[in-house]
Amino acid sequence: MRTRLVDNFATAPAIAEVFSDGAVIAEMLRFESALARAQARLGMIPDSAAAAIARVNRFEAPQLAEEARESASLAIPFVRALTERVGGIDPEAAGFVHFGATSQDLLDTTLVLLLRRAREVLAHDHNRLQRKLRSLSGQHAKTVMPARTLLQPAVPTTFGYKVAGWFGAIQRSWRGWSQAFDEGLQLQFGGAAGTLASYGARGPELASALAAELDLAEPAAPWHSHRDRLAVLVAHAGVYAGGLAKIARDITLLMQPEIGEISERGGGSSAMPHKRNPSGSVVVLAAAAPVPGMVAAFLSGMPQEHERGAGGWQAEWPIVTGVMQAAGSALNALANTVDCLAVHPDRMRANIEATGGAVFAEKAAMLLAPRMGRTAAQSAVAAALQAHTLREGLSELLTPAELRDLETPEDYLGAAEALRRRLLEESD
């Protein structure tokens, strides 16, 4: 699928192909063919009709899209066109196209089939990303750097622990998203109003046969106007995209020349030859930015009228596919970025030293507190910070041994390594 220039960051090639016109039509045909096969197996329609329906394997999209605007449903022109094609193969079979089904059965199940394909693309890039994050964390388990709170240097930490935090968030949100896929990828089949009345008492039997044909889970009942499973799926996509964006934001901040602790392959500037822009992270942030709005749009459309929504349901396809493509675009860009990420341990240590010992202020206060009380210790450290270095300011308050070890970052990492390991092991 060729991506439109205006959608350049909103999708990536593999995920865009999942929702291409050709893929949509292929899954619609898959539904109709599976329905006919299930009906033929149960003796509801002739085997010859099912065979004729299965022979139609492609459609042209533009005319369908134009006609869909007139009927407010892509299913109506699609079924009409399919009926005409089947009639050209076997006139008697044409009367069995879409037999007893409703438009929403076709469109909702098609969306579910597309989402199943999307999941495979997303899982491939997620696995790439999580493997690299795990490896990067292990490589830099002992690489010290300044932690930063409110964008200011705080206390020492390790880059390995920081990456493990990224890893943990991505793994947790993926686990929730994957469970939402498990729950959401269910057959939609209810007939005109969810009662399967056109099939008499055999409706549930046909639904089970159709679910088996499509290898989809069968819900307890049709879910025409109950959109909760899709809502959970979309919301989890939003959480996952937010986690990706957090990593990208950190990378852009750490890549600033004033910080210079990591760098991605980057891109150039059209005007300034000296620049190395965090282009991969920028794509992640741009792709993820609209996702919360799309999640909100889906949720706002959930109060659907009675047994078939008027407007809310029809709005879902671009929202759901947009969320999946945006999250997929961000994921693909981040996986590519992290795969080529360069880490600069010397610069990390230099940035600790550049604080003049300020990142060890808490450590100094903890050393002094047993001797003079917590409040007095913090006041003494605050005054000491006015000196050239913290060590100089505390030269008369700490012992020589304490002064010697005061500004050793490896001695003030607390449980960073244990916590790093726990984050990695949590997903095992």
Protein backbone atom coordinates (compact mmCIF):
# COMPACT_ATOMS: atom_id res chain seq x y z
CA MET A 1 0.00 0.00 0.00
CA ARG A 2 1.33 3.43 -0.91
CA THR A 3 1.13 5.86 2.00
CA ARG A 4 -0.24 9.32 1.31
CA LEU A 5 2.29 12.05 1.94
CA VAL A 6 0.05 13.74 4.50
CA ASP A 7 -0.09 10.45 6.44
CA ASN A 8 3.64 9.87 6.36
CA PHE A 9 4.05 9.54 10.14
CA ALA A 10 0.57 8.18 10.82
CA THR A 11 1.37 4.70 9.56
CA ALA A 12 4.22 2.44 8.46
CA PRO A 13 4.35 0.20 5.38
CA ALA A 14 3.60 -3.16 6.98
CA ILE A 15 0.72 -1.95 9.15
CA ALA A 16 -0.63 0.23 6.34
CA GLU A 17 -0.84 -2.81 4.08
CA VAL A 18 -3.01 -4.59 6.66
CA PHE A 19 -5.67 -1.91 6.25
CA SER A 20 -5.23 -1.30 2.52
CA ASP A 21 -8.28 -1.38 0.23
CA GLY A 22 -7.18 -4.71 -1.17
CA ALA A 23 -6.82 -6.22 2.29
CA VAL A 24 -10.22 -4.92 3.40
CA ILE A 25 -11.95 -6.39 0.35
CA ALA A 26 -10.08 -9.67 0.75
CA GLU A 27 -11.34 -10.04 4.33
CA MET A 28 -14.88 -9.11 3.32
CA LEU A 29 -14.75 -11.83 0.67
CA ARG A 30 -13.31 -14.20 3.27
CA PHE A 31 -16.33 -13.61 5.49
CA GLU A 32 -18.85 -14.17 2.71
CA SER A 33 -17.08 -17.29 1.47
CA ALA A 34 -16.82 -18.72 5.00
CA LEU A 35 -20.49 -17.97 5.64
CA ALA A 36 -21.50 -19.78 2.45
CA ARG A 37 -19.29 -22.79 3.25
CA ALA A 38 -20.74 -23.06 6.76
CA GLN A 39 -24.28 -22.80 5.41
CA ALA A 40 -23.60 -25.42 2.74
CA ARG A 41 -22.13 -27.80 5.30
CA LEU A 42 -25.29 -27.47 7.36
CA GLY A 43 -27.49 -27.97 4.32
CA MET A 44 -28.85 -24.41 4.33
CA ILE A 45 -27.67 -23.59 0.80
CA PRO A 46 -26.45 -25.77 -2.11
CA ASP A 47 -22.78 -26.71 -2.25
CA SER A 48 -22.71 -25.27 -5.78
CA ALA A 49 -23.71 -21.85 -4.41
CA ALA A 50 -20.89 -21.89 -1.86
CA ALA A 51 -18.44 -22.87 -4.60
CA ALA A 52 -19.59 -20.01 -6.85
CA ILE A 53 -19.32 -17.45 -4.03
CA ALA A 54 -15.80 -18.64 -3.21
CA ARG A 55 -14.68 -18.09 -6.82
CA VAL A 56 -14.95 -14.29 -6.53
CA ASN A 57 -11.55 -13.15 -5.28
CA ARG A 58 -11.16 -9.44 -6.02
CA PHE A 59 -13.02 -6.15 -6.40
CA GLU A 60 -12.13 -2.60 -7.36
CA ALA A 61 -12.45 -0.25 -4.42
CA PRO A 62 -13.17 3.28 -5.77
CA GLN A 63 -16.73 2.62 -6.95
CA LEU A 64 -17.57 0.81 -3.72
CA ALA A 65 -16.37 3.78 -1.68
CA GLU A 66 -18.48 6.21 -3.69
CA GLU A 67 -21.60 4.09 -3.38
CA ALA A 68 -21.00 3.52 0.33
CA ARG A 69 -21.50 7.23 1.00
CA GLU A 70 -24.97 7.03 -0.49
CA SER A 71 -26.07 4.06 1.63
CA ALA A 72 -24.01 4.89 4.76
CA SER A 73 -22.62 1.37 4.60
CA LEU A 74 -19.80 -0.24 2.63
CA ALA A 75 -21.56 -3.57 3.00
CA ILE A 76 -24.52 -2.65 0.82
CA PRO A 77 -22.65 -1.88 -2.43
CA PHE A 78 -20.24 -4.71 -1.67
CA VAL A 79 -22.99 -7.31 -1.33
CA ARG A 80 -24.72 -5.96 -4.44
CA ALA A 81 -21.50 -6.19 -6.46
CA LEU A 82 -20.70 -9.64 -5.09
CA THR A 83 -24.19 -10.82 -5.99
CA GLU A 84 -23.71 -9.59 -9.55
CA ARG A 85 -20.33 -11.34 -9.82
CA VAL A 86 -21.71 -14.59 -8.45
CA GLY A 87 -24.69 -14.34 -10.79
CA GLY A 88 -22.32 -14.23 -13.72
CA ILE A 89 -20.82 -17.51 -12.53
CA ASP A 90 -24.01 -19.27 -11.44
CA PRO A 91 -27.36 -17.39 -11.63
CA GLU A 92 -28.98 -19.63 -9.02
CA ALA A 93 -26.14 -19.12 -6.58
CA ALA A 94 -26.62 -15.34 -6.60
CA GLY A 95 -29.69 -15.70 -4.38
CA PHE A 96 -27.56 -17.23 -1.62
CA VAL A 97 -25.00 -14.42 -1.29
CA HIS A 98 -24.95 -12.96 2.24
CA PHE A 99 -27.84 -15.29 3.02
CA GLY A 100 -29.56 -14.23 6.27
CA ALA A 101 -26.67 -12.01 7.42
CA THR A 102 -26.71 -8.28 8.06
CA SER A 103 -24.34 -5.52 7.05
CA GLN A 104 -22.88 -5.20 10.51
CA ASP A 105 -22.05 -8.91 10.64
CA LEU A 106 -19.95 -8.45 7.53
CA LEU A 107 -18.27 -5.20 8.54
CA ASP A 108 -17.58 -5.96 12.19
CA THR A 109 -16.18 -9.41 11.44
CA THR A 110 -14.09 -7.95 8.64
CA LEU A 111 -12.65 -5.44 11.10
CA VAL A 112 -11.88 -8.25 13.53
CA LEU A 113 -10.10 -10.20 10.79
CA LEU A 114 -8.06 -7.11 9.90
CA LEU A 115 -7.17 -6.58 13.55
CA ARG A 116 -5.96 -10.16 13.75
CA ARG A 117 -3.56 -9.46 10.89
CA ALA A 118 -2.50 -6.18 12.50
CA ARG A 119 -1.67 -8.00 15.70
CA GLU A 120 0.91 -10.12 13.88
CA VAL A 121 2.65 -7.03 12.49
CA LEU A 122 2.60 -5.30 15.87
CA ALA A 123 3.89 -8.39 17.68
CA HIS A 124 6.85 -8.64 15.29
CA ASP A 125 7.99 -5.08 16.00
CA HIS A 126 7.23 -5.36 19.72
CA ASN A 127 9.43 -8.42 19.99
CA ARG A 128 12.23 -6.59 18.18
CA LEU A 129 11.93 -3.67 20.57
CA GLN A 130 11.75 -5.65 23.79
CA ARG A 131 14.72 -7.83 22.84
CA LYS A 132 16.85 -4.76 22.17
CA LEU A 133 15.77 -3.02 25.37
CA ARG A 134 16.57 -6.10 27.42
CA SER A 135 19.99 -6.38 25.80
CA LEU A 136 20.71 -2.66 26.20
CA SER A 137 19.78 -2.79 29.88
CA GLY A 138 22.16 -5.67 30.49
CA GLN A 139 25.01 -4.01 28.63
CA HIS A 140 24.71 -0.88 30.77
CA ALA A 141 23.84 -2.33 34.16
CA LYS A 142 26.88 -0.56 35.66
CA THR A 143 26.87 2.57 33.49
CA VAL A 144 26.26 5.44 35.91
CA MET A 145 24.38 8.57 34.90
CA PRO A 146 22.43 11.37 36.57
CA ALA A 147 18.79 10.64 37.27
CA ARG A 148 16.67 13.71 36.56
CA THR A 149 13.52 14.89 38.29
CA LEU A 150 11.61 17.88 36.92
CA LEU A 151 14.39 17.98 34.27
CA GLN A 152 17.02 18.75 36.94
CA PRO A 153 19.89 16.47 38.08
CA ALA A 154 18.74 14.42 41.06
CA VAL A 155 20.87 11.48 42.29
CA PRO A 156 23.02 8.94 40.43
CA THR A 157 21.35 6.01 38.70
CA THR A 158 22.38 3.63 35.93
CA PHE A 159 21.43 3.69 32.30
CA GLY A 160 20.68 0.00 32.59
CA TYR A 161 18.05 0.72 35.23
CA LYS A 162 16.58 3.51 33.13
CA VAL A 163 16.25 1.21 30.12
CA ALA A 164 14.75 -1.50 32.32
CA GLY A 165 12.08 1.02 33.28
CA TRP A 166 11.32 1.54 29.60
CA PHE A 167 11.26 -2.22 29.10
CA GLY A 168 8.93 -2.82 32.03
CA ALA A 169 6.40 -0.23 30.92
CA ILE A 170 6.35 -1.57 27.37
CA GLN A 171 6.00 -5.17 28.51
CA ARG A 172 3.16 -4.38 30.94
CA SER A 173 1.21 -2.36 28.39
CA TRP A 174 1.78 -5.00 25.70
CA ARG A 175 0.48 -7.68 28.04
CA GLY A 176 -2.71 -5.67 28.56
CA TRP A 177 -3.04 -4.96 24.85
CA SER A 178 -2.47 -8.59 23.94
CA GLN A 179 -5.17 -9.68 26.39
CA ALA A 180 -7.49 -7.10 24.84
CA PHE A 181 -6.80 -8.65 21.43
CA ASP A 182 -7.62 -12.09 22.86
CA GLU A 183 -10.93 -10.80 24.17
CA GLY A 184 -11.79 -8.55 21.24
CA LEU A 185 -11.14 -10.83 18.27
CA GLN A 186 -14.58 -12.43 18.27
CA LEU A 187 -17.04 -13.25 15.54
CA GLN A 188 -19.90 -10.84 14.90
CA PHE A 189 -22.92 -12.72 13.62
CA GLY A 190 -26.46 -11.85 14.60
CA GLY A 191 -28.58 -11.32 11.52
CA ALA A 192 -30.89 -8.35 11.13
CA ALA A 193 -31.13 -7.37 14.80
CA GLY A 194 -29.01 -9.84 16.73
CA THR A 195 -31.56 -12.65 17.03
CA LEU A 196 -30.51 -14.80 14.06
CA ALA A 197 -34.23 -15.11 13.31
CA SER A 198 -33.71 -15.82 9.61
CA TYR A 199 -32.15 -19.17 10.50
CA GLY A 200 -34.85 -20.27 12.93
CA ALA A 201 -33.57 -22.52 15.68
CA ARG A 202 -30.34 -23.27 13.79
CA GLY A 203 -28.85 -19.80 14.16
CA PRO A 204 -26.48 -20.67 17.03
CA GLU A 205 -25.36 -23.81 15.17
CA LEU A 206 -24.50 -21.71 12.11
CA ALA A 207 -22.69 -19.14 14.23
CA SER A 208 -20.49 -21.87 15.68
CA ALA A 209 -19.76 -23.26 12.23
CA LEU A 210 -18.89 -19.80 10.89
CA ALA A 211 -16.59 -19.09 13.84
CA ALA A 212 -14.79 -22.35 13.14
CA GLU A 213 -14.44 -21.49 9.45
CA LEU A 214 -12.84 -18.16 10.32
CA ASP A 215 -10.89 -19.50 13.32
CA LEU A 216 -12.44 -16.84 15.55
CA ALA A 217 -13.77 -17.02 19.07
CA GLU A 218 -17.55 -17.18 19.32
CA PRO A 219 -19.16 -14.73 21.77
CA ALA A 220 -22.11 -15.64 23.95
CA ALA A 221 -24.31 -13.41 21.80
CA PRO A 222 -23.97 -10.88 18.95
CA TRP A 223 -22.46 -7.57 20.04
CA HIS A 224 -23.86 -5.21 17.38
CA SER A 225 -24.28 -2.16 19.63
CA HIS A 226 -22.11 -3.28 22.55
CA ARG A 227 -18.66 -1.95 21.77
CA ASP A 228 -16.91 -2.57 25.08
CA ARG A 229 -14.43 -5.17 23.79
CA LEU A 230 -13.29 -2.92 20.97
CA ALA A 231 -13.16 0.01 23.38
CA VAL A 232 -10.77 -1.90 25.66
CA LEU A 233 -8.64 -2.84 22.66
CA VAL A 234 -8.45 0.77 21.48
CA ALA A 235 -7.75 2.08 24.99
CA HIS A 236 -4.89 -0.36 25.49
CA ALA A 237 -3.45 0.76 22.16
CA GLY A 238 -3.46 4.28 23.58
CA VAL A 239 -1.61 3.19 26.72
CA TYR A 240 0.97 1.32 24.67
CA ALA A 241 1.49 4.27 22.32
CA GLY A 242 1.96 6.51 25.36
CA GLY A 243 4.69 4.20 26.65
CA LEU A 244 6.46 4.34 23.31
CA ALA A 245 6.25 8.13 23.31
CA LYS A 246 7.74 8.32 26.82
CA ILE A 247 10.84 6.44 25.63
CA ALA A 248 11.12 8.66 22.56
CA ARG A 249 10.81 11.78 24.73
CA ASP A 250 13.61 10.58 26.98
CA ILE A 251 15.81 9.87 23.98
CA THR A 252 15.28 13.35 22.53
CA LEU A 253 16.18 14.94 25.86
CA LEU A 254 19.26 12.78 26.42
CA MET A 255 20.38 13.46 22.86
CA GLN A 256 20.46 17.25 23.26
CA PRO A 257 24.06 18.39 22.70
CA GLU A 258 24.08 20.01 26.16
CA ILE A 259 23.41 16.53 27.61
CA GLY A 260 24.87 14.25 24.92
CA GLU A 261 24.47 11.00 26.83
CA ILE A 262 22.98 8.98 23.99
CA SER A 263 22.46 9.51 20.28
CA GLU A 264 20.38 7.92 17.60
CA ARG A 265 21.36 7.63 13.97
CA GLY A 266 19.44 10.85 13.39
CA GLY A 267 18.70 13.00 10.42
CA GLY A 268 20.03 16.23 9.01
CA SER A 269 18.63 19.72 8.61
CA SER A 270 17.63 21.43 5.38
CA ALA A 271 19.25 24.66 6.59
CA MET A 272 21.87 23.82 9.23
CA PRO A 273 24.58 21.33 8.21
CA HIS A 274 25.80 20.87 11.79
CA LYS A 275 22.56 19.37 13.08
CA ARG A 276 21.90 15.72 13.88
CA ASN A 277 18.22 15.58 14.64
CA PRO A 278 16.54 12.81 16.68
CA SER A 279 14.47 11.92 13.64
CA GLY A 280 13.41 8.45 14.73
CA SER A 281 12.12 9.69 18.07
CA VAL A 282 10.38 12.58 16.35
CA VAL A 283 8.45 10.11 14.19
CA VAL A 284 7.46 8.16 17.31
CA LEU A 285 6.20 11.30 19.03
CA ALA A 286 4.38 12.55 15.93
CA ALA A 287 2.69 9.18 15.37
CA ALA A 288 1.64 8.81 19.00
CA ALA A 289 0.37 12.36 19.46
CA PRO A 290 -3.11 11.90 17.90
CA VAL A 291 -3.81 8.55 19.58
CA PRO A 292 -5.37 9.87 22.82
CA GLY A 293 -7.81 11.94 20.77
CA MET A 294 -8.78 8.92 18.70
CA VAL A 295 -9.28 6.85 21.85
CA ALA A 296 -11.56 9.56 23.20
CA ALA A 297 -13.45 9.66 19.89
CA PHE A 298 -14.11 5.93 20.09
CA LEU A 299 -15.32 6.15 23.67
CA SER A 300 -17.63 9.04 22.82
CA GLY A 301 -19.29 6.86 20.17
CA MET A 302 -20.09 3.99 22.53
CA PRO A 303 -23.68 5.04 23.44
CA GLN A 304 -25.15 3.41 20.35
CA GLU A 305 -28.87 3.35 19.77
CA HIS A 306 -30.76 0.14 20.54
CA GLU A 307 -29.67 -2.75 18.27
CA ARG A 308 -27.84 -0.74 15.58
CA GLY A 309 -26.01 2.52 16.03
CA ALA A 310 -26.60 5.54 13.81
CA GLY A 311 -23.31 7.36 13.34
CA GLY A 312 -21.29 6.06 16.27
CA TRP A 313 -20.79 2.65 14.73
CA GLN A 314 -20.13 4.04 11.26
CA ALA A 315 -17.40 6.28 12.69
CA GLU A 316 -15.43 3.39 14.14
CA TRP A 317 -13.50 2.04 11.17
CA PRO A 318 -11.29 5.10 10.61
CA ILE A 319 -10.84 5.48 14.38
CA VAL A 320 -9.86 1.88 15.09
CA THR A 321 -7.67 1.52 12.02
CA GLY A 322 -6.16 4.94 12.68
CA VAL A 323 -5.23 4.00 16.25
CA MET A 324 -3.70 0.71 15.15
CA GLN A 325 -1.69 2.34 12.37
CA ALA A 326 -0.50 5.22 14.54
CA ALA A 327 0.58 2.89 17.34
CA GLY A 328 2.18 0.62 14.75
CA SER A 329 4.02 3.52 13.16
CA ALA A 330 5.36 4.67 16.53
CA LEU A 331 6.37 1.11 17.43
CA ASN A 332 8.16 0.52 14.14
CA ALA A 333 10.03 3.82 14.38
CA LEU A 334 11.09 3.21 17.99
CA ALA A 335 12.24 -0.35 17.30
CA ASN A 336 14.41 0.97 14.46
CA THR A 337 15.71 3.84 16.62
CA VAL A 338 16.64 1.75 19.65
CA ASP A 339 18.31 -0.80 17.41
CA CYS A 340 20.86 1.85 16.37
CA LEU A 341 21.09 3.77 19.63
CA ALA A 342 24.60 4.86 20.68
CA VAL A 343 25.33 5.23 24.40
CA HIS A 344 28.07 7.55 25.72
CA PRO A 345 29.08 6.44 29.27
CA ASP A 346 31.92 8.99 29.51
CA ARG A 347 29.49 11.83 28.93
CA MET A 348 27.12 10.42 31.52
CA ARG A 349 29.85 10.40 34.14
CA ALA A 350 31.03 13.84 33.07
CA ASN A 351 27.53 15.21 33.58
CA ILE A 352 27.55 13.84 37.12
CA GLU A 353 30.88 15.54 37.78
CA ALA A 354 29.67 18.78 36.22
CA THR A 355 27.16 19.23 39.05
CA GLY A 356 30.03 19.91 41.46
CA GLY A 357 28.76 17.21 43.76
CA ALA A 358 25.18 18.50 43.89
CA VAL A 359 23.81 15.07 42.93
CA PHE A 360 25.32 13.77 46.20
CA ALA A 361 23.55 16.32 48.39
CA GLU A 362 21.04 13.75 49.63
CA LYS A 363 23.86 11.34 50.44
CA ALA A 364 25.67 14.03 52.44
CA ALA A 365 22.52 14.94 54.35
CA MET A 366 21.97 11.28 55.22
CA LEU A 367 25.54 11.08 56.57
CA LEU A 368 25.13 14.20 58.72
CA ALA A 369 21.59 13.59 59.99
CA PRO A 370 22.54 11.13 62.79
CA ARG A 371 24.95 13.72 64.18
CA MET A 372 22.98 16.95 63.98
CA GLY A 373 19.39 16.03 63.10
CA ARG A 374 17.69 15.96 59.73
CA THR A 375 16.74 19.64 59.51
CA ALA A 376 20.16 20.92 60.52
CA ALA A 377 21.87 18.45 58.18
CA GLN A 378 19.87 19.64 55.19
CA SER A 379 20.62 23.26 56.06
CA ALA A 380 24.32 22.48 56.34
CA VAL A 381 24.35 20.75 52.97
CA ALA A 382 22.45 23.63 51.36
CA ALA A 383 25.09 26.03 52.67
CA ALA A 384 27.90 23.72 51.53
CA LEU A 385 26.55 23.78 47.99
CA GLN A 386 27.53 27.43 47.75
CA ALA A 387 31.19 26.38 47.71
CA HIS A 388 33.04 25.42 44.53
CA THR A 389 32.23 21.77 45.14
CA LEU A 390 30.12 19.99 47.72
CA ARG A 391 33.22 18.23 49.05
CA GLU A 392 34.88 21.56 49.74
CA GLY A 393 31.79 22.91 51.46
CA LEU A 394 31.63 19.89 53.78
CA SER A 395 35.37 19.59 54.46
CA GLU A 396 34.94 20.39 58.16
CA LEU A 397 31.76 18.39 58.72
CA LEU A 398 32.62 15.00 57.24
CA THR A 399 35.50 12.65 58.00
CA PRO A 400 38.32 12.24 55.47
CA ALA A 401 37.01 8.79 54.55
CA GLU A 402 33.48 10.16 54.05
CA LEU A 403 34.82 13.02 51.95
CA ARG A 404 36.86 10.63 49.83
CA ASP A 405 33.85 8.46 49.01
CA LEU A 406 31.25 11.22 48.91
CA GLU A 407 31.23 11.77 45.16
CA THR A 408 31.55 8.15 44.05
CA PRO A 409 28.31 7.47 42.13
CA GLU A 410 28.69 3.70 42.37
CA ASP A 411 28.40 4.01 46.16
CA TYR A 412 25.00 5.72 46.02
CA LEU A 413 22.92 3.62 43.64
CA GLY A 414 20.79 2.04 46.32
CA ALA A 415 18.73 -0.87 44.97
CA ALA A 416 19.04 0.20 41.32
CA GLU A 417 20.55 -3.09 40.18
CA ALA A 418 18.11 -5.25 42.12
CA LEU A 419 15.20 -3.24 40.76
CA ARG A 420 16.61 -3.43 37.25
CA ARG A 421 16.72 -7.20 37.46
CA ARG A 422 13.22 -7.39 38.88
CA LEU A 423 11.85 -5.36 35.96
CA LEU A 424 13.47 -7.71 33.46
CA GLU A 425 12.46 -10.85 35.32
CA GLU A 426 8.86 -9.70 35.68
CA SER A 427 8.19 -10.55 32.02
CA ASP A 428 9.93 -13.93 32.03
